[in-house]
Amino acid sequence: MSLFNEHKLDEMSHILDAYMDIVPTLPVEGKHVLPNGSSLAIDNTQFHKILLGGDQLTVARVRGTQALRFSEEKAVDRLEGVIPLVEDWHTRMTLNKVSYLQFVLTTYNNVFYV
């Protein structure tokens, strides 16, 4: 359990770092030889990506944090193992409430209650 506020971008960064610790990874490192003879280490870590669901604000914060870390060297630091996903929980709750008020209550009493 983390005690960070997901609505603040810097604290969302801490939350995503904690998620990246549990993302299954396959570290693949290689070397690229440059024309001048020196070698450059390449990090090609592969992830079994996880879905991170939330409302639209949460997804915007996740994408914003990923955009801020786009230029990091390692894939883990770029947060490539997390896929943000908008969950329309509020829409479903509103639909259920309206359906209940319209069909259930009016059927029994023929009166619309709020």
C-alpha atoms as a PDB file:
ATOM      1  CA  MET A   1       0.000   0.000   0.000  1.00  0.00           C
ATOM      2  CA  SER A   2       1.399   3.363  -0.936  1.00  0.00           C
ATOM      3  CA  LEU A   3       0.435   6.602   0.728  1.00  0.00           C
ATOM      4  CA  PHE A   4       1.019   8.807  -2.291  1.00  0.00           C
ATOM      5  CA  ASN A   5      -1.556  11.017  -3.984  1.00  0.00           C
ATOM      6  CA  GLU A   6      -2.114   9.883  -7.570  1.00  0.00           C
ATOM      7  CA  HIS A   7      -3.418  13.319  -8.543  1.00  0.00           C
ATOM      8  CA  LYS A   8       0.036  14.882  -8.121  1.00  0.00           C
ATOM      9  CA  LEU A   9       2.505  14.187 -10.889  1.00  0.00           C
ATOM     10  CA  ASP A  10       5.593  13.826  -8.694  1.00  0.00           C
ATOM     11  CA  GLU A  11       3.824  11.407  -6.347  1.00  0.00           C
ATOM     12  CA  MET A  12       2.438   9.448  -9.300  1.00  0.00           C
ATOM     13  CA  SER A  13       6.050   8.902 -10.265  1.00  0.00           C
ATOM     14  CA  HIS A  14       6.641   7.119  -6.931  1.00  0.00           C
ATOM     15  CA  ILE A  15       3.528   4.985  -7.426  1.00  0.00           C
ATOM     16  CA  LEU A  16       4.628   3.936 -10.912  1.00  0.00           C
ATOM     17  CA  ASP A  17       8.110   3.095  -9.629  1.00  0.00           C
ATOM     18  CA  ALA A  18       6.465   0.723  -7.146  1.00  0.00           C
ATOM     19  CA  TYR A  19       4.426  -0.861  -9.967  1.00  0.00           C
ATOM     20  CA  MET A  20       7.544  -1.294 -12.077  1.00  0.00           C
ATOM     21  CA  ASP A  21       9.038  -3.392  -9.272  1.00  0.00           C
ATOM     22  CA  ILE A  22       6.312  -6.024  -9.789  1.00  0.00           C
ATOM     23  CA  VAL A  23       6.220  -5.993 -13.611  1.00  0.00           C
ATOM     24  CA  PRO A  24       7.699  -9.261 -14.935  1.00  0.00           C
ATOM     25  CA  THR A  25      10.823  -8.467 -16.957  1.00  0.00           C
ATOM     26  CA  LEU A  26      13.341 -10.253 -19.117  1.00  0.00           C
ATOM     27  CA  PRO A  27      16.590  -8.290 -19.034  1.00  0.00           C
ATOM     28  CA  VAL A  28      18.297  -8.311 -22.427  1.00  0.00           C
ATOM     29  CA  GLU A  29      21.483  -6.326 -22.685  1.00  0.00           C
ATOM     30  CA  GLY A  30      23.643  -6.002 -25.717  1.00  0.00           C
ATOM     31  CA  LYS A  31      26.544  -4.053 -27.108  1.00  0.00           C
ATOM     32  CA  HIS A  32      26.723  -1.943 -30.202  1.00  0.00           C
ATOM     33  CA  VAL A  33      30.140  -1.317 -31.702  1.00  0.00           C
ATOM     34  CA  LEU A  34      30.586   2.211 -32.988  1.00  0.00           C
ATOM     35  CA  PRO A  35      32.643   3.063 -36.105  1.00  0.00           C
ATOM     36  CA  ASN A  36      35.454   4.448 -33.954  1.00  0.00           C
ATOM     37  CA  GLY A  37      35.862   1.056 -32.237  1.00  0.00           C
ATOM     38  CA  SER A  38      34.245   1.882 -28.913  1.00  0.00           C
ATOM     39  CA  SER A  39      31.228  -0.076 -27.716  1.00  0.00           C
ATOM     40  CA  LEU A  40      27.925   1.178 -26.429  1.00  0.00           C
ATOM     41  CA  ALA A  41      25.823  -0.855 -23.954  1.00  0.00           C
ATOM     42  CA  ILE A  42      22.190  -1.199 -25.006  1.00  0.00           C
ATOM     43  CA  ASP A  43      19.340  -2.025 -22.619  1.00  0.00           C
ATOM     44  CA  ASN A  44      16.580  -3.944 -24.426  1.00  0.00           C
ATOM     45  CA  THR A  45      14.651  -5.114 -21.376  1.00  0.00           C
ATOM     46  CA  GLN A  46      11.437  -6.851 -22.388  1.00  0.00           C
ATOM     47  CA  PHE A  47       8.311  -6.605 -20.269  1.00  0.00           C
ATOM     48  CA  HIS A  48       5.160  -8.571 -19.736  1.00  0.00           C
ATOM     49  CA  LYS A  49       3.195  -5.320 -19.592  1.00  0.00           C
ATOM     50  CA  ILE A  50       0.500  -4.773 -16.994  1.00  0.00           C
ATOM     51  CA  LEU A  51      -2.684  -2.732 -17.351  1.00  0.00           C
ATOM     52  CA  LEU A  52      -3.131   0.129 -14.916  1.00  0.00           C
ATOM     53  CA  GLY A  53      -6.798   1.116 -14.784  1.00  0.00           C
ATOM     54  CA  GLY A  54      -8.245   4.294 -13.416  1.00  0.00           C
ATOM     55  CA  ASP A  55     -10.411   7.263 -14.210  1.00  0.00           C
ATOM     56  CA  GLN A  56      -9.443   9.785 -16.869  1.00  0.00           C
ATOM     57  CA  LEU A  57      -7.430  11.951 -14.469  1.00  0.00           C
ATOM     58  CA  THR A  58      -5.384   8.984 -13.255  1.00  0.00           C
ATOM     59  CA  VAL A  59      -4.661   7.888 -16.824  1.00  0.00           C
ATOM     60  CA  ALA A  60      -3.641  11.449 -17.717  1.00  0.00           C
ATOM     61  CA  ARG A  61      -1.204  11.483 -14.778  1.00  0.00           C
ATOM     62  CA  VAL A  62       0.280   8.119 -15.815  1.00  0.00           C
ATOM     63  CA  ARG A  63       0.749   9.288 -19.395  1.00  0.00           C
ATOM     64  CA  GLY A  64       2.221  12.572 -18.182  1.00  0.00           C
ATOM     65  CA  THR A  65       4.724  10.755 -15.986  1.00  0.00           C
ATOM     66  CA  GLN A  66       5.663   8.462 -18.880  1.00  0.00           C
ATOM     67  CA  ALA A  67       6.119  11.507 -21.133  1.00  0.00           C
ATOM     68  CA  LEU A  68       8.403  13.160 -18.565  1.00  0.00           C
ATOM     69  CA  ARG A  69      10.573  10.053 -18.406  1.00  0.00           C
ATOM     70  CA  PHE A  70      10.673   9.443 -22.155  1.00  0.00           C
ATOM     71  CA  SER A  71      14.366  10.352 -22.424  1.00  0.00           C
ATOM     72  CA  GLU A  72      15.616   8.012 -19.679  1.00  0.00           C
ATOM     73  CA  GLU A  73      18.263   5.448 -20.644  1.00  0.00           C
ATOM     74  CA  LYS A  74      16.700   2.309 -19.177  1.00  0.00           C
ATOM     75  CA  ALA A  75      13.306   0.950 -20.185  1.00  0.00           C
ATOM     76  CA  VAL A  76      12.428   0.455 -16.512  1.00  0.00           C
ATOM     77  CA  ASP A  77      13.008   4.148 -15.860  1.00  0.00           C
ATOM     78  CA  ARG A  78      10.866   5.041 -18.908  1.00  0.00           C
ATOM     79  CA  LEU A  79       8.000   3.072 -17.303  1.00  0.00           C
ATOM     80  CA  GLU A  80       7.468   0.967 -20.422  1.00  0.00           C
ATOM     81  CA  GLY A  81       5.913  -1.915 -18.481  1.00  0.00           C
ATOM     82  CA  VAL A  82       2.698  -0.048 -17.634  1.00  0.00           C
ATOM     83  CA  ILE A  83      -0.226   0.477 -20.021  1.00  0.00           C
ATOM     84  CA  PRO A  84      -2.739   3.078 -18.753  1.00  0.00           C
ATOM     85  CA  LEU A  85      -6.386   2.130 -19.281  1.00  0.00           C
ATOM     86  CA  VAL A  86      -9.452   4.322 -18.736  1.00  0.00           C
ATOM     87  CA  GLU A  87     -12.130   2.528 -16.774  1.00  0.00           C
ATOM     88  CA  ASP A  88     -15.567   4.045 -17.073  1.00  0.00           C
ATOM     89  CA  TRP A  89     -16.678   3.168 -13.563  1.00  0.00           C
ATOM     90  CA  HIS A  90     -18.516   6.469 -13.032  1.00  0.00           C
ATOM     91  CA  THR A  91     -20.451   6.040 -16.274  1.00  0.00           C
ATOM     92  CA  ARG A  92     -21.562   2.550 -15.306  1.00  0.00           C
ATOM     93  CA  MET A  93     -22.677   3.749 -11.859  1.00  0.00           C
ATOM     94  CA  THR A  94     -24.735   6.557 -13.397  1.00  0.00           C
ATOM     95  CA  LEU A  95     -26.322   4.134 -15.857  1.00  0.00           C
ATOM     96  CA  ASN A  96     -27.191   1.729 -13.033  1.00  0.00           C
ATOM     97  CA  LYS A  97     -28.688   4.517 -10.925  1.00  0.00           C
ATOM     98  CA  VAL A  98     -30.815   5.865 -13.767  1.00  0.00           C
ATOM     99  CA  SER A  99     -31.941   2.358 -14.717  1.00  0.00           C
ATOM    100  CA  TYR A 100     -32.887   1.613 -11.122  1.00  0.00           C
ATOM    101  CA  LEU A 101     -34.791   4.859 -10.696  1.00  0.00           C
ATOM    102  CA  GLN A 102     -36.561   4.550 -14.024  1.00  0.00           C
ATOM    103  CA  PHE A 103     -37.499   0.884 -14.109  1.00  0.00           C
ATOM    104  CA  VAL A 104     -37.532  -0.495 -10.568  1.00  0.00           C
ATOM    105  CA  LEU A 105     -39.032   2.303  -8.498  1.00  0.00           C
ATOM    106  CA  THR A 106     -41.594   3.420 -11.067  1.00  0.00           C
ATOM    107  CA  THR A 107     -42.728  -0.165 -11.554  1.00  0.00           C
ATOM    108  CA  TYR A 108     -43.587  -0.680  -7.876  1.00  0.00           C
ATOM    109  CA  ASN A 109     -45.080   2.656  -6.912  1.00  0.00           C
ATOM    110  CA  ASN A 110     -45.627   4.390 -10.219  1.00  0.00           C
ATOM    111  CA  VAL A 111     -43.859   7.308  -8.501  1.00  0.00           C
ATOM    112  CA  PHE A 112     -40.389   8.625  -9.334  1.00  0.00           C
ATOM    113  CA  TYR A 113     -38.215   8.851  -6.179  1.00  0.00           C
ATOM    114  CA  VAL A 114     -34.855  10.551  -5.926  1.00  0.00           C
END
